[in-house]
Amino acid sequence: MKPGKRGCGAAATVLVVIGVECHDGGPGRARVQHITSASADVLRECVLDNVARGSAVHTDVWKGYNDTGRYRFNHVVTNLSESDDPAHGVMPEAYRVAGLLKRRRLDTHGGA
């Protein structure tokens, strides 16, 4: 692991929102969008632009998602740090897409 700050504040971090349709048979379509910040305004626009009203929207506890339920979505919040399950077990489709994006970046840029 590289030393330094992890997560959203890490150097050279590119913020993206990942949304994946979930069906009984597995994942459906995925949406990945580069965002300039993880503010409530930006996240709200991403959800409103990409999710059908009435759908269940599963998020972590990031405060930028707090108003999601106000827009006729069933907002399901999971505190990943308090969950007994690992994050990739709670939201496997989103973590699979994130892993594929990271792998693609490493393959394309040789890790640079």
PDB file of N, CA and C in Angstrom:
ATOM      1  N   MET A   1       0.839  -1.173   0.000  1.00  0.00           N
ATOM      2  CA  MET A   1       0.000   0.000   0.000  1.00  0.00           C
ATOM      3  C   MET A   1       0.885   1.237   0.000  1.00  0.00           C
ATOM      4  N   LYS A   2       0.445   2.259  -0.741  1.00  0.00           N
ATOM      5  CA  LYS A   2       1.205   3.498  -0.798  1.00  0.00           C
ATOM      6  C   LYS A   2       0.959   4.322   0.454  1.00  0.00           C
ATOM      7  N   PRO A   3       1.999   5.017   0.954  1.00  0.00           N
ATOM      8  CA  PRO A   3       1.802   5.871   2.124  1.00  0.00           C
ATOM      9  C   PRO A   3       1.026   7.126   1.745  1.00  0.00           C
ATOM     10  N   GLY A   4       0.467   7.794   2.744  1.00  0.00           N
ATOM     11  CA  GLY A   4      -0.242   9.047   2.501  1.00  0.00           C
ATOM     12  C   GLY A   4      -1.718   8.931   2.788  1.00  0.00           C
ATOM     13  N   LYS A   5      -2.409  10.003   2.516  1.00  0.00           N
ATOM     14  CA  LYS A   5      -3.834  10.090   2.789  1.00  0.00           C
ATOM     15  C   LYS A   5      -4.612   9.186   1.844  1.00  0.00           C
ATOM     16  N   ARG A   6      -5.647   8.522   2.385  1.00  0.00           N
ATOM     17  CA  ARG A   6      -6.464   7.612   1.598  1.00  0.00           C
ATOM     18  C   ARG A   6      -7.824   8.246   1.322  1.00  0.00           C
ATOM     19  N   GLY A   7      -8.552   7.688   0.374  1.00  0.00           N
ATOM     20  CA  GLY A   7      -9.928   8.107   0.123  1.00  0.00           C
ATOM     21  C   GLY A   7     -10.024   9.367  -0.706  1.00  0.00           C
ATOM     22  N   CYS A   8     -11.118  10.122  -0.488  1.00  0.00           N
ATOM     23  CA  CYS A   8     -11.416  11.309  -1.294  1.00  0.00           C
ATOM     24  C   CYS A   8     -10.331  12.371  -1.226  1.00  0.00           C
ATOM     25  N   GLY A   9      -9.592  12.435  -0.132  1.00  0.00           N
ATOM     26  CA  GLY A   9      -8.590  13.473   0.022  1.00  0.00           C
ATOM     27  C   GLY A   9      -7.212  13.092  -0.486  1.00  0.00           C
ATOM     28  N   ALA A  10      -7.059  11.902  -1.020  1.00  0.00           N
ATOM     29  CA  ALA A  10      -5.753  11.443  -1.494  1.00  0.00           C
ATOM     30  C   ALA A  10      -5.315  12.234  -2.718  1.00  0.00           C
ATOM     31  N   ALA A  11      -4.020  12.376  -2.871  1.00  0.00           N
ATOM     32  CA  ALA A  11      -3.481  13.080  -4.034  1.00  0.00           C
ATOM     33  C   ALA A  11      -3.851  12.332  -5.308  1.00  0.00           C
ATOM     34  N   ALA A  12      -4.138  13.074  -6.351  1.00  0.00           N
ATOM     35  CA  ALA A  12      -4.462  12.532  -7.671  1.00  0.00           C
ATOM     36  C   ALA A  12      -5.723  11.669  -7.675  1.00  0.00           C
ATOM     37  N   THR A  13      -6.624  11.925  -6.737  1.00  0.00           N
ATOM     38  CA  THR A  13      -7.880  11.183  -6.694  1.00  0.00           C
ATOM     39  C   THR A  13      -8.846  11.761  -7.715  1.00  0.00           C
ATOM     40  N   VAL A  14      -9.479  10.894  -8.462  1.00  0.00           N
ATOM     41  CA  VAL A  14     -10.528  11.295  -9.387  1.00  0.00           C
ATOM     42  C   VAL A  14     -11.843  10.818  -8.787  1.00  0.00           C
ATOM     43  N   LEU A  15     -12.758  11.734  -8.538  1.00  0.00           N
ATOM     44  CA  LEU A  15     -14.037  11.378  -7.947  1.00  0.00           C
ATOM     45  C   LEU A  15     -15.002  10.902  -9.013  1.00  0.00           C
ATOM     46  N   VAL A  16     -15.611   9.765  -8.772  1.00  0.00           N
ATOM     47  CA  VAL A  16     -16.636   9.247  -9.664  1.00  0.00           C
ATOM     48  C   VAL A  16     -17.811   8.754  -8.833  1.00  0.00           C
ATOM     49  N   VAL A  17     -18.985   8.789  -9.441  1.00  0.00           N
ATOM     50  CA  VAL A  17     -20.169   8.184  -8.869  1.00  0.00           C
ATOM     51  C   VAL A  17     -20.433   6.939  -9.689  1.00  0.00           C
ATOM     52  N   ILE A  18     -20.695   5.834  -9.016  1.00  0.00           N
ATOM     53  CA  ILE A  18     -20.980   4.571  -9.690  1.00  0.00           C
ATOM     54  C   ILE A  18     -22.380   4.138  -9.304  1.00  0.00           C
ATOM     55  N   GLY A  19     -23.199   3.893 -10.301  1.00  0.00           N
ATOM     56  CA  GLY A  19     -24.537   3.385 -10.081  1.00  0.00           C
ATOM     57  C   GLY A  19     -24.736   2.125 -10.895  1.00  0.00           C
ATOM     58  N   VAL A  20     -25.279   1.095 -10.274  1.00  0.00           N
ATOM     59  CA  VAL A  20     -25.493  -0.172 -10.961  1.00  0.00           C
ATOM     60  C   VAL A  20     -26.912  -0.647 -10.677  1.00  0.00           C
ATOM     61  N   GLU A  21     -27.634  -0.993 -11.734  1.00  0.00           N
ATOM     62  CA  GLU A  21     -28.958  -1.581 -11.546  1.00  0.00           C
ATOM     63  C   GLU A  21     -28.789  -2.951 -10.912  1.00  0.00           C
ATOM     64  N   CYS A  22     -29.655  -3.259  -9.984  1.00  0.00           N
ATOM     65  CA  CYS A  22     -29.618  -4.568  -9.342  1.00  0.00           C
ATOM     66  C   CYS A  22     -30.923  -5.291  -9.621  1.00  0.00           C
ATOM     67  N   HIS A  23     -30.807  -6.495 -10.136  1.00  0.00           N
ATOM     68  CA  HIS A  23     -31.951  -7.340 -10.428  1.00  0.00           C
ATOM     69  C   HIS A  23     -31.797  -8.640  -9.646  1.00  0.00           C
ATOM     70  N   ASP A  24     -32.853  -9.408  -9.557  1.00  0.00           N
ATOM     71  CA  ASP A  24     -32.776 -10.692  -8.858  1.00  0.00           C
ATOM     72  C   ASP A  24     -31.726 -11.604  -9.476  1.00  0.00           C
ATOM     73  N   GLY A  25     -31.550 -11.502 -10.773  1.00  0.00           N
ATOM     74  CA  GLY A  25     -30.593 -12.356 -11.465  1.00  0.00           C
ATOM     75  C   GLY A  25     -29.183 -11.814 -11.485  1.00  0.00           C
ATOM     76  N   GLY A  26     -28.956 -10.634 -10.898  1.00  0.00           N
ATOM     77  CA  GLY A  26     -27.625 -10.057 -10.887  1.00  0.00           C
ATOM     78  C   GLY A  26     -27.635  -8.609 -11.339  1.00  0.00           C
ATOM     79  N   PRO A  27     -26.470  -8.064 -11.656  1.00  0.00           N
ATOM     80  CA  PRO A  27     -26.387  -6.653 -12.027  1.00  0.00           C
ATOM     81  C   PRO A  27     -26.947  -6.384 -13.413  1.00  0.00           C
ATOM     82  N   GLY A  28     -27.391  -5.144 -13.596  1.00  0.00           N
ATOM     83  CA  GLY A  28     -27.869  -4.685 -14.898  1.00  0.00           C
ATOM     84  C   GLY A  28     -26.919  -3.635 -15.436  1.00  0.00           C
ATOM     85  N   ARG A  29     -27.488  -2.577 -15.980  1.00  0.00           N
ATOM     86  CA  ARG A  29     -26.666  -1.511 -16.552  1.00  0.00           C
ATOM     87  C   ARG A  29     -25.920  -0.755 -15.458  1.00  0.00           C
ATOM     88  N   ALA A  30     -24.770  -0.225 -15.835  1.00  0.00           N
ATOM     89  CA  ALA A  30     -23.959   0.555 -14.893  1.00  0.00           C
ATOM     90  C   ALA A  30     -23.781   1.964 -15.436  1.00  0.00           C
ATOM     91  N   ARG A  31     -23.705   2.910 -14.530  1.00  0.00           N
ATOM     92  CA  ARG A  31     -23.429   4.296 -14.872  1.00  0.00           C
ATOM     93  C   ARG A  31     -22.215   4.726 -14.054  1.00  0.00           C
ATOM     94  N   VAL A  32     -21.254   5.341 -14.721  1.00  0.00           N
ATOM     95  CA  VAL A  32     -20.083   5.880 -14.042  1.00  0.00           C
ATOM     96  C   VAL A  32     -19.956   7.322 -14.502  1.00  0.00           C
ATOM     97  N   GLN A  33     -19.895   8.230 -13.548  1.00  0.00           N
ATOM     98  CA  GLN A  33     -19.828   9.646 -13.895  1.00  0.00           C
ATOM     99  C   GLN A  33     -18.752  10.333 -13.085  1.00  0.00           C
ATOM    100  N   HIS A  34     -17.869  11.049 -13.790  1.00  0.00           N
ATOM    101  CA  HIS A  34     -16.850  11.856 -13.131  1.00  0.00           C
ATOM    102  C   HIS A  34     -17.558  13.048 -12.493  1.00  0.00           C
ATOM    103  N   ILE A  35     -17.224  13.355 -11.241  1.00  0.00           N
ATOM    104  CA  ILE A  35     -17.818  14.498 -10.558  1.00  0.00           C
ATOM    105  C   ILE A  35     -16.714  15.411 -10.041  1.00  0.00           C
ATOM    106  N   THR A  36     -17.045  16.685  -9.922  1.00  0.00           N
ATOM    107  CA  THR A  36     -16.060  17.671  -9.468  1.00  0.00           C
ATOM    108  C   THR A  36     -15.958  17.725  -7.953  1.00  0.00           C
ATOM    109  N   SER A  37     -17.037  17.339  -7.268  1.00  0.00           N
ATOM    110  CA  SER A  37     -17.022  17.298  -5.807  1.00  0.00           C
ATOM    111  C   SER A  37     -18.075  16.300  -5.346  1.00  0.00           C
ATOM    112  N   ALA A  38     -17.993  15.906  -4.096  1.00  0.00           N
ATOM    113  CA  ALA A  38     -18.966  14.975  -3.525  1.00  0.00           C
ATOM    114  C   ALA A  38     -20.012  15.726  -2.711  1.00  0.00           C
ATOM    115  N   SER A  39     -20.333  16.937  -3.157  1.00  0.00           N
ATOM    116  CA  SER A  39     -21.312  17.761  -2.453  1.00  0.00           C
ATOM    117  C   SER A  39     -22.722  17.233  -2.699  1.00  0.00           C
ATOM    118  N   ALA A  40     -23.645  17.645  -1.853  1.00  0.00           N
ATOM    119  CA  ALA A  40     -25.040  17.226  -1.990  1.00  0.00           C
ATOM    120  C   ALA A  40     -25.620  17.656  -3.332  1.00  0.00           C
ATOM    121  N   ASP A  41     -25.291  18.860  -3.794  1.00  0.00           N
ATOM    122  CA  ASP A  41     -25.818  19.348  -5.072  1.00  0.00           C
ATOM    123  C   ASP A  41     -25.379  18.469  -6.235  1.00  0.00           C
ATOM    124  N   VAL A  42     -24.114  18.132  -6.264  1.00  0.00           N
ATOM    125  CA  VAL A  42     -23.577  17.302  -7.359  1.00  0.00           C
ATOM    126  C   VAL A  42     -24.163  15.893  -7.303  1.00  0.00           C
ATOM    127  N   LEU A  43     -24.189  15.295  -6.121  1.00  0.00           N
ATOM    128  CA  LEU A  43     -24.714  13.932  -5.980  1.00  0.00           C
ATOM    129  C   LEU A  43     -26.200  13.868  -6.296  1.00  0.00           C
ATOM    130  N   ARG A  44     -26.953  14.876  -5.872  1.00  0.00           N
ATOM    131  CA  ARG A  44     -28.391  14.919  -6.170  1.00  0.00           C
ATOM    132  C   ARG A  44     -28.623  14.937  -7.686  1.00  0.00           C
ATOM    133  N   GLU A  45     -27.865  15.757  -8.407  1.00  0.00           N
ATOM    134  CA  GLU A  45     -28.018  15.823  -9.863  1.00  0.00           C
ATOM    135  C   GLU A  45     -27.683  14.485 -10.522  1.00  0.00           C
ATOM    136  N   CYS A  46     -26.666  13.803 -10.025  1.00  0.00           N
ATOM    137  CA  CYS A  46     -26.308  12.488 -10.568  1.00  0.00           C
ATOM    138  C   CYS A  46     -27.458  11.497 -10.385  1.00  0.00           C
ATOM    139  N   VAL A  47     -28.026  11.481  -9.195  1.00  0.00           N
ATOM    140  CA  VAL A  47     -29.130  10.557  -8.923  1.00  0.00           C
ATOM    141  C   VAL A  47     -30.346  10.921  -9.770  1.00  0.00           C
ATOM    142  N   LEU A  48     -30.703  12.198  -9.799  1.00  0.00           N
ATOM    143  CA  LEU A  48     -31.877  12.617 -10.563  1.00  0.00           C
ATOM    144  C   LEU A  48     -31.721  12.353 -12.059  1.00  0.00           C
ATOM    145  N   ASP A  49     -30.511  12.493 -12.586  1.00  0.00           N
ATOM    146  CA  ASP A  49     -30.266  12.277 -14.020  1.00  0.00           C
ATOM    147  C   ASP A  49     -30.220  10.805 -14.411  1.00  0.00           C
ATOM    148  N   ASN A  50     -29.926   9.919 -13.465  1.00  0.00           N
ATOM    149  CA  ASN A  50     -29.640   8.531 -13.837  1.00  0.00           C
ATOM    150  C   ASN A  50     -30.534   7.466 -13.218  1.00  0.00           C
ATOM    151  N   VAL A  51     -31.397   7.832 -12.280  1.00  0.00           N
ATOM    152  CA  VAL A  51     -32.197   6.831 -11.579  1.00  0.00           C
ATOM    153  C   VAL A  51     -33.681   7.133 -11.772  1.00  0.00           C
ATOM    154  N   ALA A  52     -34.450   6.097 -12.098  1.00  0.00           N
ATOM    155  CA  ALA A  52     -35.896   6.266 -12.270  1.00  0.00           C
ATOM    156  C   ALA A  52     -36.549   6.516 -10.915  1.00  0.00           C
ATOM    157  N   ARG A  53     -37.459   7.471 -10.887  1.00  0.00           N
ATOM    158  CA  ARG A  53     -38.186   7.767  -9.652  1.00  0.00           C
ATOM    159  C   ARG A  53     -38.904   6.521  -9.164  1.00  0.00           C
ATOM    160  N   GLY A  54     -38.941   6.344  -7.867  1.00  0.00           N
ATOM    161  CA  GLY A  54     -39.561   5.173  -7.266  1.00  0.00           C
ATOM    162  C   GLY A  54     -38.587   4.024  -7.043  1.00  0.00           C
ATOM    163  N   SER A  55     -37.386   4.149  -7.592  1.00  0.00           N
ATOM    164  CA  SER A  55     -36.373   3.096  -7.427  1.00  0.00           C
ATOM    165  C   SER A  55     -35.762   3.159  -6.035  1.00  0.00           C
ATOM    166  N   ALA A  56     -35.204   2.049  -5.616  1.00  0.00           N
ATOM    167  CA  ALA A  56     -34.429   2.015  -4.372  1.00  0.00           C
ATOM    168  C   ALA A  56     -33.019   2.479  -4.694  1.00  0.00           C
ATOM    169  N   VAL A  57     -32.512   3.414  -3.912  1.00  0.00           N
ATOM    170  CA  VAL A  57     -31.154   3.921  -4.081  1.00  0.00           C
ATOM    171  C   VAL A  57     -30.381   3.545  -2.827  1.00  0.00           C
ATOM    172  N   HIS A  58     -29.384   2.689  -2.981  1.00  0.00           N
ATOM    173  CA  HIS A  58     -28.561   2.228  -1.862  1.00  0.00           C
ATOM    174  C   HIS A  58     -27.294   3.077  -1.822  1.00  0.00           C
ATOM    175  N   THR A  59     -27.036   3.703  -0.687  1.00  0.00           N
ATOM    176  CA  THR A  59     -25.835   4.516  -0.535  1.00  0.00           C
ATOM    177  C   THR A  59     -25.167   4.200   0.800  1.00  0.00           C
ATOM    178  N   ASP A  60     -23.975   4.744   0.947  1.00  0.00           N
ATOM    179  CA  ASP A  60     -23.336   4.706   2.249  1.00  0.00           C
ATOM    180  C   ASP A  60     -23.845   5.907   3.045  1.00  0.00           C
ATOM    181  N   VAL A  61     -23.243   6.220   4.162  1.00  0.00           N
ATOM    182  CA  VAL A  61     -23.748   7.285   5.031  1.00  0.00           C
ATOM    183  C   VAL A  61     -23.201   8.668   4.688  1.00  0.00           C
ATOM    184  N   TRP A  62     -22.543   8.802   3.557  1.00  0.00           N
ATOM    185  CA  TRP A  62     -21.997  10.105   3.160  1.00  0.00           C
ATOM    186  C   TRP A  62     -23.109  11.141   3.193  1.00  0.00           C
ATOM    187  N   LYS A  63     -22.874  12.255   3.885  1.00  0.00           N
ATOM    188  CA  LYS A  63     -23.920  13.261   4.111  1.00  0.00           C
ATOM    189  C   LYS A  63     -24.443  13.894   2.825  1.00  0.00           C
ATOM    190  N   GLY A  64     -23.697  13.821   1.760  1.00  0.00           N
ATOM    191  CA  GLY A  64     -24.157  14.360   0.481  1.00  0.00           C
ATOM    192  C   GLY A  64     -25.383  13.643  -0.072  1.00  0.00           C
ATOM    193  N   TYR A  65     -25.663  12.447   0.426  1.00  0.00           N
ATOM    194  CA  TYR A  65     -26.830  11.684  -0.028  1.00  0.00           C
ATOM    195  C   TYR A  65     -28.067  11.901   0.856  1.00  0.00           C
ATOM    196  N   ASN A  66     -27.972  12.716   1.893  1.00  0.00           N
ATOM    197  CA  ASN A  66     -29.052  12.844   2.875  1.00  0.00           C
ATOM    198  C   ASN A  66     -30.416  13.158   2.284  1.00  0.00           C
ATOM    199  N   ASP A  67     -30.494  13.987   1.267  1.00  0.00           N
ATOM    200  CA  ASP A  67     -31.781  14.400   0.701  1.00  0.00           C
ATOM    201  C   ASP A  67     -32.325  13.455  -0.367  1.00  0.00           C
ATOM    202  N   THR A  68     -31.670  12.368  -0.622  1.00  0.00           N
ATOM    203  CA  THR A  68     -32.068  11.472  -1.709  1.00  0.00           C
ATOM    204  C   THR A  68     -33.521  11.016  -1.580  1.00  0.00           C
ATOM    205  N   GLY A  69     -33.972  10.713  -0.394  1.00  0.00           N
ATOM    206  CA  GLY A  69     -35.334  10.246  -0.187  1.00  0.00           C
ATOM    207  C   GLY A  69     -36.402  11.285  -0.485  1.00  0.00           C
ATOM    208  N   ARG A  70     -36.037  12.552  -0.513  1.00  0.00           N
ATOM    209  CA  ARG A  70     -37.003  13.620  -0.788  1.00  0.00           C
ATOM    210  C   ARG A  70     -37.500  13.612  -2.232  1.00  0.00           C
ATOM    211  N   TYR A  71     -36.809  12.939  -3.112  1.00  0.00           N
ATOM    212  CA  TYR A  71     -37.118  12.990  -4.537  1.00  0.00           C
ATOM    213  C   TYR A  71     -37.780  11.710  -5.039  1.00  0.00           C
ATOM    214  N   ARG A  72     -38.647  11.138  -4.216  1.00  0.00           N
ATOM    215  CA  ARG A  72     -39.419   9.943  -4.547  1.00  0.00           C
ATOM    216  C   ARG A  72     -38.532   8.721  -4.844  1.00  0.00           C
ATOM    217  N   PHE A  73     -37.478   8.598  -4.096  1.00  0.00           N
ATOM    218  CA  PHE A  73     -36.637   7.403  -4.137  1.00  0.00           C
ATOM    219  C   PHE A  73     -36.772   6.693  -2.800  1.00  0.00           C
ATOM    220  N   ASN A  74     -36.653   5.396  -2.804  1.00  0.00           N
ATOM    221  CA  ASN A  74     -36.561   4.639  -1.561  1.00  0.00           C
ATOM    222  C   ASN A  74     -35.081   4.624  -1.201  1.00  0.00           C
ATOM    223  N   HIS A  75     -34.670   5.487  -0.281  1.00  0.00           N
ATOM    224  CA  HIS A  75     -33.253   5.643   0.060  1.00  0.00           C
ATOM    225  C   HIS A  75     -32.868   4.644   1.141  1.00  0.00           C
ATOM    226  N   VAL A  76     -31.992   3.723   0.800  1.00  0.00           N
ATOM    227  CA  VAL A  76     -31.508   2.703   1.728  1.00  0.00           C
ATOM    228  C   VAL A  76     -30.062   3.053   2.073  1.00  0.00           C
ATOM    229  N   VAL A  77     -29.823   3.354   3.339  1.00  0.00           N
ATOM    230  CA  VAL A  77     -28.498   3.783   3.787  1.00  0.00           C
ATOM    231  C   VAL A  77     -27.822   2.652   4.548  1.00  0.00           C
ATOM    232  N   THR A  78     -26.559   2.389   4.224  1.00  0.00           N
ATOM    233  CA  THR A  78     -25.774   1.378   4.915  1.00  0.00           C
ATOM    234  C   THR A  78     -24.500   2.015   5.444  1.00  0.00           C
ATOM    235  N   ASN A  79     -24.296   1.923   6.738  1.00  0.00           N
ATOM    236  CA  ASN A  79     -23.063   2.412   7.332  1.00  0.00           C
ATOM    237  C   ASN A  79     -22.028   1.299   7.184  1.00  0.00           C
ATOM    238  N   LEU A  80     -21.186   1.436   6.176  1.00  0.00           N
ATOM    239  CA  LEU A  80     -20.218   0.383   5.857  1.00  0.00           C
ATOM    240  C   LEU A  80     -19.210   0.153   6.971  1.00  0.00           C
ATOM    241  N   SER A  81     -18.858   1.204   7.708  1.00  0.00           N
ATOM    242  CA  SER A  81     -17.861   1.029   8.769  1.00  0.00           C
ATOM    243  C   SER A  81     -18.442   0.299   9.983  1.00  0.00           C
ATOM    244  N   GLU A  82     -19.763   0.324  10.143  1.00  0.00           N
ATOM    245  CA  GLU A  82     -20.376  -0.385  11.266  1.00  0.00           C
ATOM    246  C   GLU A  82     -20.937  -1.746  10.870  1.00  0.00           C
ATOM    247  N   SER A  83     -20.877  -2.058   9.589  1.00  0.00           N
ATOM    248  CA  SER A  83     -21.401  -3.324   9.105  1.00  0.00           C
ATOM    249  C   SER A  83     -20.411  -4.452   9.402  1.00  0.00           C
ATOM    250  N   ASP A  84     -20.943  -5.613   9.721  1.00  0.00           N
ATOM    251  CA  ASP A  84     -20.084  -6.783   9.920  1.00  0.00           C
ATOM    252  C   ASP A  84     -19.575  -7.333   8.590  1.00  0.00           C
ATOM    253  N   ASP A  85     -20.260  -6.975   7.512  1.00  0.00           N
ATOM    254  CA  ASP A  85     -19.870  -7.436   6.182  1.00  0.00           C
ATOM    255  C   ASP A  85     -18.908  -6.438   5.541  1.00  0.00           C
ATOM    256  N   PRO A  86     -17.976  -6.912   4.726  1.00  0.00           N
ATOM    257  CA  PRO A  86     -17.092  -5.985   4.015  1.00  0.00           C
ATOM    258  C   PRO A  86     -17.895  -5.207   2.977  1.00  0.00           C
ATOM    259  N   ALA A  87     -17.399  -4.040   2.602  1.00  0.00           N
ATOM    260  CA  ALA A  87     -18.112  -3.179   1.647  1.00  0.00           C
ATOM    261  C   ALA A  87     -18.395  -3.900   0.336  1.00  0.00           C
ATOM    262  N   HIS A  88     -17.441  -4.709  -0.135  1.00  0.00           N
ATOM    263  CA  HIS A  88     -17.671  -5.413  -1.400  1.00  0.00           C
ATOM    264  C   HIS A  88     -18.730  -6.503  -1.259  1.00  0.00           C
ATOM    265  N   GLY A  89     -19.081  -6.851  -0.031  1.00  0.00           N
ATOM    266  CA  GLY A  89     -20.158  -7.806   0.193  1.00  0.00           C
ATOM    267  C   GLY A  89     -21.514  -7.126   0.285  1.00  0.00           C
ATOM    268  N   VAL A  90     -21.524  -5.879   0.763  1.00  0.00           N
ATOM    269  CA  VAL A  90     -22.760  -5.123   0.914  1.00  0.00           C
ATOM    270  C   VAL A  90     -23.216  -4.538  -0.418  1.00  0.00           C
ATOM    271  N   MET A  91     -22.290  -3.985  -1.187  1.00  0.00           N
ATOM    272  CA  MET A  91     -22.591  -3.377  -2.481  1.00  0.00           C
ATOM    273  C   MET A  91     -21.678  -3.987  -3.543  1.00  0.00           C
ATOM    274  N   PRO A  92     -21.846  -5.280  -3.824  1.00  0.00           N
ATOM    275  CA  PRO A  92     -20.888  -5.965  -4.686  1.00  0.00           C
ATOM    276  C   PRO A  92     -20.835  -5.441  -6.114  1.00  0.00           C
ATOM    277  N   GLU A  93     -21.969  -5.039  -6.674  1.00  0.00           N
ATOM    278  CA  GLU A  93     -21.972  -4.598  -8.064  1.00  0.00           C
ATOM    279  C   GLU A  93     -21.154  -3.314  -8.226  1.00  0.00           C
ATOM    280  N   ALA A  94     -21.348  -2.354  -7.335  1.00  0.00           N
ATOM    281  CA  ALA A  94     -20.607  -1.090  -7.425  1.00  0.00           C
ATOM    282  C   ALA A  94     -19.107  -1.329  -7.218  1.00  0.00           C
ATOM    283  N   TYR A  95     -18.755  -2.197  -6.286  1.00  0.00           N
ATOM    284  CA  TYR A  95     -17.339  -2.472  -6.044  1.00  0.00           C
ATOM    285  C   TYR A  95     -16.709  -3.252  -7.199  1.00  0.00           C
ATOM    286  N   ARG A  96     -17.489  -4.069  -7.868  1.00  0.00           N
ATOM    287  CA  ARG A  96     -16.979  -4.782  -9.043  1.00  0.00           C
ATOM    288  C   ARG A  96     -16.653  -3.783 -10.150  1.00  0.00           C
ATOM    289  N   VAL A  97     -17.551  -2.830 -10.397  1.00  0.00           N
ATOM    290  CA  VAL A  97     -17.309  -1.811 -11.421  1.00  0.00           C
ATOM    291  C   VAL A  97     -16.086  -0.969 -11.043  1.00  0.00           C
ATOM    292  N   ALA A  98     -15.983  -0.564  -9.773  1.00  0.00           N
ATOM    293  CA  ALA A  98     -14.823   0.212  -9.326  1.00  0.00           C
ATOM    294  C   ALA A  98     -13.527  -0.569  -9.537  1.00  0.00           C
ATOM    295  N   GLY A  99     -13.545  -1.845  -9.221  1.00  0.00           N
ATOM    296  CA  GLY A  99     -12.360  -2.677  -9.418  1.00  0.00           C
ATOM    297  C   GLY A  99     -11.971  -2.789 -10.884  1.00  0.00           C
ATOM    298  N   LEU A 100     -12.970  -2.908 -11.752  1.00  0.00           N
ATOM    299  CA  LEU A 100     -12.692  -2.975 -13.188  1.00  0.00           C
ATOM    300  C   LEU A 100     -12.106  -1.656 -13.697  1.00  0.00           C
ATOM    301  N   LEU A 101     -12.612  -0.544 -13.189  1.00  0.00           N
ATOM    302  CA  LEU A 101     -12.067   0.756 -13.585  1.00  0.00           C
ATOM    303  C   LEU A 101     -10.616   0.902 -13.147  1.00  0.00           C
ATOM    304  N   LYS A 102     -10.323   0.483 -11.921  1.00  0.00           N
ATOM    305  CA  LYS A 102      -8.945   0.556 -11.434  1.00  0.00           C
ATOM    306  C   LYS A 102      -8.025  -0.344 -12.262  1.00  0.00           C
ATOM    307  N   ARG A 103      -8.502  -1.530 -12.578  1.00  0.00           N
ATOM    308  CA  ARG A 103      -7.703  -2.459 -13.386  1.00  0.00           C
ATOM    309  C   ARG A 103      -7.443  -1.873 -14.766  1.00  0.00           C
ATOM    310  N   ARG A 104      -8.456  -1.246 -15.353  1.00  0.00           N
ATOM    311  CA  ARG A 104      -8.315  -0.634 -16.662  1.00  0.00           C
ATOM    312  C   ARG A 104      -7.273   0.490 -16.616  1.00  0.00           C
ATOM    313  N   ARG A 105      -7.313   1.285 -15.570  1.00  0.00           N
ATOM    314  CA  ARG A 105      -6.341   2.375 -15.431  1.00  0.00           C
ATOM    315  C   ARG A 105      -4.930   1.826 -15.314  1.00  0.00           C
ATOM    316  N   LEU A 106      -4.750   0.785 -14.520  1.00  0.00           N
ATOM    317  CA  LEU A 106      -3.416   0.206 -14.372  1.00  0.00           C
ATOM    318  C   LEU A 106      -2.930  -0.399 -15.681  1.00  0.00           C
ATOM    319  N   ASP A 107      -3.820  -1.051 -16.416  1.00  0.00           N
ATOM    320  CA  ASP A 107      -3.430  -1.659 -17.691  1.00  0.00           C
ATOM    321  C   ASP A 107      -3.082  -0.595 -18.720  1.00  0.00           C
ATOM    322  N   THR A 108      -3.872   0.490 -18.750  1.00  0.00           N
ATOM    323  CA  THR A 108      -3.685   1.524 -19.746  1.00  0.00           C
ATOM    324  C   THR A 108      -2.459   2.380 -19.463  1.00  0.00           C
ATOM    325  N   HIS A 109      -2.274   2.754 -18.214  1.00  0.00           N
ATOM    326  CA  HIS A 109      -1.218   3.692 -17.863  1.00  0.00           C
ATOM    327  C   HIS A 109      -0.049   3.050 -17.127  1.00  0.00           C
ATOM    328  N   GLY A 110      -0.067   1.780 -17.007  1.00  0.00           N
ATOM    329  CA  GLY A 110       1.025   1.089 -16.335  1.00  0.00           C
ATOM    330  C   GLY A 110       1.198   1.503 -14.893  1.00  0.00           C
ATOM    331  N   GLY A 111       0.099   1.913 -14.271  1.00  0.00           N
ATOM    332  CA  GLY A 111       0.150   2.304 -12.868  1.00  0.00           C
ATOM    333  C   GLY A 111       0.599   3.722 -12.637  1.00  0.00           C
ATOM    334  N   ALA A 112       0.919   4.459 -13.707  1.00  0.00           N
ATOM    335  CA  ALA A 112       1.388   5.840 -13.544  1.00  0.00           C
ATOM    336  C   ALA A 112       0.246   6.805 -13.355  1.00  0.00           C
TER     337      ALA A 112
END
